[in-house]
Amino acid sequence: MSKETMNRIRETEAEADRLIAEAEARAAELRSEAESAGRELCRRAEEEAASVQAAALEGARAEAERLTAAAQKAAQNEAEAIARAASERETAAKNIVIGGVEAKCR
């Protein structure tokens, strides 16, 4: 084999080694970029999920407050109706008692 052929083989091998090193470096760079993009995507997804969860929780709180207020109003109305009915019966009971006492006194 001639010296020139040997040199060309060495040059070709060196070029192949350089291309392999460049390809490995580029692959490592792409892998790093993909991992970084994946972490960013996960971070954004977590933020969005937290935001959706917070909005749902706020909606549930508002609904609970509305239902509580409605239940309190209904209970207040019922208590007032019971108090009115009791007051009417108290007046009737007093009249019966007073009427009975008057009848005995006569």
C-alpha atoms as a PDB file:
ATOM      1  CA  MET A   1       0.000   0.000   0.000  1.00  0.00           C
ATOM      2  CA  SER A   2       1.322   3.395  -0.871  1.00  0.00           C
ATOM      3  CA  LYS A   3       2.008   6.133   1.610  1.00  0.00           C
ATOM      4  CA  GLU A   4      -0.604   8.307  -0.069  1.00  0.00           C
ATOM      5  CA  THR A   5      -3.249   5.585   0.314  1.00  0.00           C
ATOM      6  CA  MET A   6      -2.319   5.170   3.981  1.00  0.00           C
ATOM      7  CA  ASN A   7      -2.643   8.913   4.506  1.00  0.00           C
ATOM      8  CA  ARG A   8      -6.016   8.955   2.803  1.00  0.00           C
ATOM      9  CA  ILE A   9      -7.186   6.064   5.010  1.00  0.00           C
ATOM     10  CA  ARG A  10      -6.018   7.938   8.136  1.00  0.00           C
ATOM     11  CA  GLU A  11      -7.695  11.131   6.935  1.00  0.00           C
ATOM     12  CA  THR A  12     -10.910   9.238   6.180  1.00  0.00           C
ATOM     13  CA  GLU A  13     -10.810   7.567   9.602  1.00  0.00           C
ATOM     14  CA  ALA A  14     -10.157  10.944  11.253  1.00  0.00           C
ATOM     15  CA  GLU A  15     -13.036  12.484   9.313  1.00  0.00           C
ATOM     16  CA  ALA A  16     -15.286   9.567  10.320  1.00  0.00           C
ATOM     17  CA  ASP A  17     -14.260   9.997  13.993  1.00  0.00           C
ATOM     18  CA  ARG A  18     -14.953  13.735  13.758  1.00  0.00           C
ATOM     19  CA  LEU A  19     -18.376  13.114  12.170  1.00  0.00           C
ATOM     20  CA  ILE A  20     -19.227  10.543  14.851  1.00  0.00           C
ATOM     21  CA  ALA A  21     -18.161  12.968  17.607  1.00  0.00           C
ATOM     22  CA  GLU A  22     -20.237  15.759  16.046  1.00  0.00           C
ATOM     23  CA  ALA A  23     -23.238  13.435  15.724  1.00  0.00           C
ATOM     24  CA  GLU A  24     -22.886  12.318  19.361  1.00  0.00           C
ATOM     25  CA  ALA A  25     -22.573  15.945  20.512  1.00  0.00           C
ATOM     26  CA  ARG A  26     -25.629  16.936  18.471  1.00  0.00           C
ATOM     27  CA  ALA A  27     -27.569  13.954  19.842  1.00  0.00           C
ATOM     28  CA  ALA A  28     -26.634  14.961  23.396  1.00  0.00           C
ATOM     29  CA  GLU A  29     -27.695  18.541  22.658  1.00  0.00           C
ATOM     30  CA  LEU A  30     -31.027  17.391  21.196  1.00  0.00           C
ATOM     31  CA  ARG A  31     -31.613  15.079  24.169  1.00  0.00           C
ATOM     32  CA  SER A  32     -30.900  17.946  26.575  1.00  0.00           C
ATOM     33  CA  GLU A  33     -33.255  20.271  24.682  1.00  0.00           C
ATOM     34  CA  ALA A  34     -35.977  17.612  24.654  1.00  0.00           C
ATOM     35  CA  GLU A  35     -35.603  17.008  28.385  1.00  0.00           C
ATOM     36  CA  SER A  36     -35.744  20.741  29.047  1.00  0.00           C
ATOM     37  CA  ALA A  37     -38.819  21.119  26.840  1.00  0.00           C
ATOM     38  CA  GLY A  38     -40.429  18.150  28.600  1.00  0.00           C
ATOM     39  CA  ARG A  39     -39.786  19.671  32.027  1.00  0.00           C
ATOM     40  CA  GLU A  40     -41.263  22.984  30.850  1.00  0.00           C
ATOM     41  CA  LEU A  41     -44.300  21.208  29.433  1.00  0.00           C
ATOM     42  CA  CYS A  42     -44.809  19.379  32.739  1.00  0.00           C
ATOM     43  CA  ARG A  43     -44.437  22.629  34.683  1.00  0.00           C
ATOM     44  CA  ARG A  44     -47.036  24.337  32.500  1.00  0.00           C
ATOM     45  CA  ALA A  45     -49.406  21.370  32.778  1.00  0.00           C
ATOM     46  CA  GLU A  46     -49.065  21.398  36.574  1.00  0.00           C
ATOM     47  CA  GLU A  47     -49.739  25.145  36.669  1.00  0.00           C
ATOM     48  CA  GLU A  48     -52.792  24.749  34.449  1.00  0.00           C
ATOM     49  CA  ALA A  49     -54.089  21.843  36.534  1.00  0.00           C
ATOM     50  CA  ALA A  50     -53.590  23.870  39.723  1.00  0.00           C
ATOM     51  CA  SER A  51     -55.434  26.795  38.154  1.00  0.00           C
ATOM     52  CA  VAL A  52     -58.332  24.583  37.045  1.00  0.00           C
ATOM     53  CA  GLN A  53     -58.447  22.981  40.487  1.00  0.00           C
ATOM     54  CA  ALA A  54     -58.439  26.378  42.208  1.00  0.00           C
ATOM     55  CA  ALA A  55     -61.274  27.588  39.976  1.00  0.00           C
ATOM     56  CA  ALA A  56     -63.292  24.438  40.664  1.00  0.00           C
ATOM     57  CA  LEU A  57     -62.682  24.797  44.386  1.00  0.00           C
ATOM     58  CA  GLU A  58     -63.763  28.440  44.283  1.00  0.00           C
ATOM     59  CA  GLY A  59     -66.905  27.446  42.390  1.00  0.00           C
ATOM     60  CA  ALA A  60     -67.660  24.754  44.957  1.00  0.00           C
ATOM     61  CA  ARG A  61     -67.152  27.236  47.795  1.00  0.00           C
ATOM     62  CA  ALA A  62     -69.480  29.749  46.148  1.00  0.00           C
ATOM     63  CA  GLU A  63     -72.115  27.051  45.627  1.00  0.00           C
ATOM     64  CA  ALA A  64     -71.752  25.909  49.246  1.00  0.00           C
ATOM     65  CA  GLU A  65     -72.159  29.490  50.449  1.00  0.00           C
ATOM     66  CA  ARG A  66     -75.250  29.933  48.256  1.00  0.00           C
ATOM     67  CA  LEU A  67     -76.801  26.697  49.518  1.00  0.00           C
ATOM     68  CA  THR A  68     -75.962  27.595  53.121  1.00  0.00           C
ATOM     69  CA  ALA A  69     -77.561  31.030  52.757  1.00  0.00           C
ATOM     70  CA  ALA A  70     -80.663  29.468  51.175  1.00  0.00           C
ATOM     71  CA  ALA A  71     -80.917  26.887  53.964  1.00  0.00           C
ATOM     72  CA  GLN A  72     -80.471  29.575  56.617  1.00  0.00           C
ATOM     73  CA  LYS A  73     -83.181  31.724  54.989  1.00  0.00           C
ATOM     74  CA  ALA A  74     -85.549  28.745  54.816  1.00  0.00           C
ATOM     75  CA  ALA A  75     -84.855  27.888  58.464  1.00  0.00           C
ATOM     76  CA  GLN A  76     -85.403  31.532  59.480  1.00  0.00           C
ATOM     77  CA  ASN A  77     -88.708  31.648  57.595  1.00  0.00           C
ATOM     78  CA  GLU A  78     -89.830  28.392  59.211  1.00  0.00           C
ATOM     79  CA  ALA A  79     -88.833  29.625  62.676  1.00  0.00           C
ATOM     80  CA  GLU A  80     -90.745  32.857  62.139  1.00  0.00           C
ATOM     81  CA  ALA A  81     -93.837  30.915  60.983  1.00  0.00           C
ATOM     82  CA  ILE A  82     -93.633  28.674  64.056  1.00  0.00           C
ATOM     83  CA  ALA A  83     -93.251  31.736  66.303  1.00  0.00           C
ATOM     84  CA  ARG A  84     -96.315  33.388  64.674  1.00  0.00           C
ATOM     85  CA  ALA A  85     -98.376  30.218  65.091  1.00  0.00           C
ATOM     86  CA  ALA A  86     -97.270  29.897  68.713  1.00  0.00           C
ATOM     87  CA  SER A  87     -98.125  33.521  69.378  1.00  0.00           C
ATOM     88  CA  GLU A  88    -101.615  33.062  67.892  1.00  0.00           C
ATOM     89  CA  ARG A  89    -102.163  29.942  69.990  1.00  0.00           C
ATOM     90  CA  GLU A  90    -100.825  31.708  73.090  1.00  0.00           C
ATOM     91  CA  THR A  91    -103.392  34.484  72.633  1.00  0.00           C
ATOM     92  CA  ALA A  92    -106.171  31.932  72.134  1.00  0.00           C
ATOM     93  CA  ALA A  93    -105.005  29.971  75.196  1.00  0.00           C
ATOM     94  CA  LYS A  94    -104.962  33.135  77.315  1.00  0.00           C
ATOM     95  CA  ASN A  95    -108.507  33.963  76.188  1.00  0.00           C
ATOM     96  CA  ILE A  96    -109.687  30.462  77.103  1.00  0.00           C
ATOM     97  CA  VAL A  97    -108.036  30.636  80.527  1.00  0.00           C
ATOM     98  CA  ILE A  98    -109.347  34.137  81.212  1.00  0.00           C
ATOM     99  CA  GLY A  99    -112.788  33.145  79.963  1.00  0.00           C
ATOM    100  CA  GLY A 100    -112.807  30.095  82.238  1.00  0.00           C
ATOM    101  CA  VAL A 101    -111.720  32.128  85.263  1.00  0.00           C
ATOM    102  CA  GLU A 102    -114.385  34.771  84.544  1.00  0.00           C
ATOM    103  CA  ALA A 103    -117.026  32.088  84.232  1.00  0.00           C
ATOM    104  CA  LYS A 104    -116.074  30.616  87.601  1.00  0.00           C
ATOM    105  CA  CYS A 105    -116.074  34.036  89.207  1.00  0.00           C
ATOM    106  CA  ARG A 106    -119.642  34.819  88.170  1.00  0.00           C
END
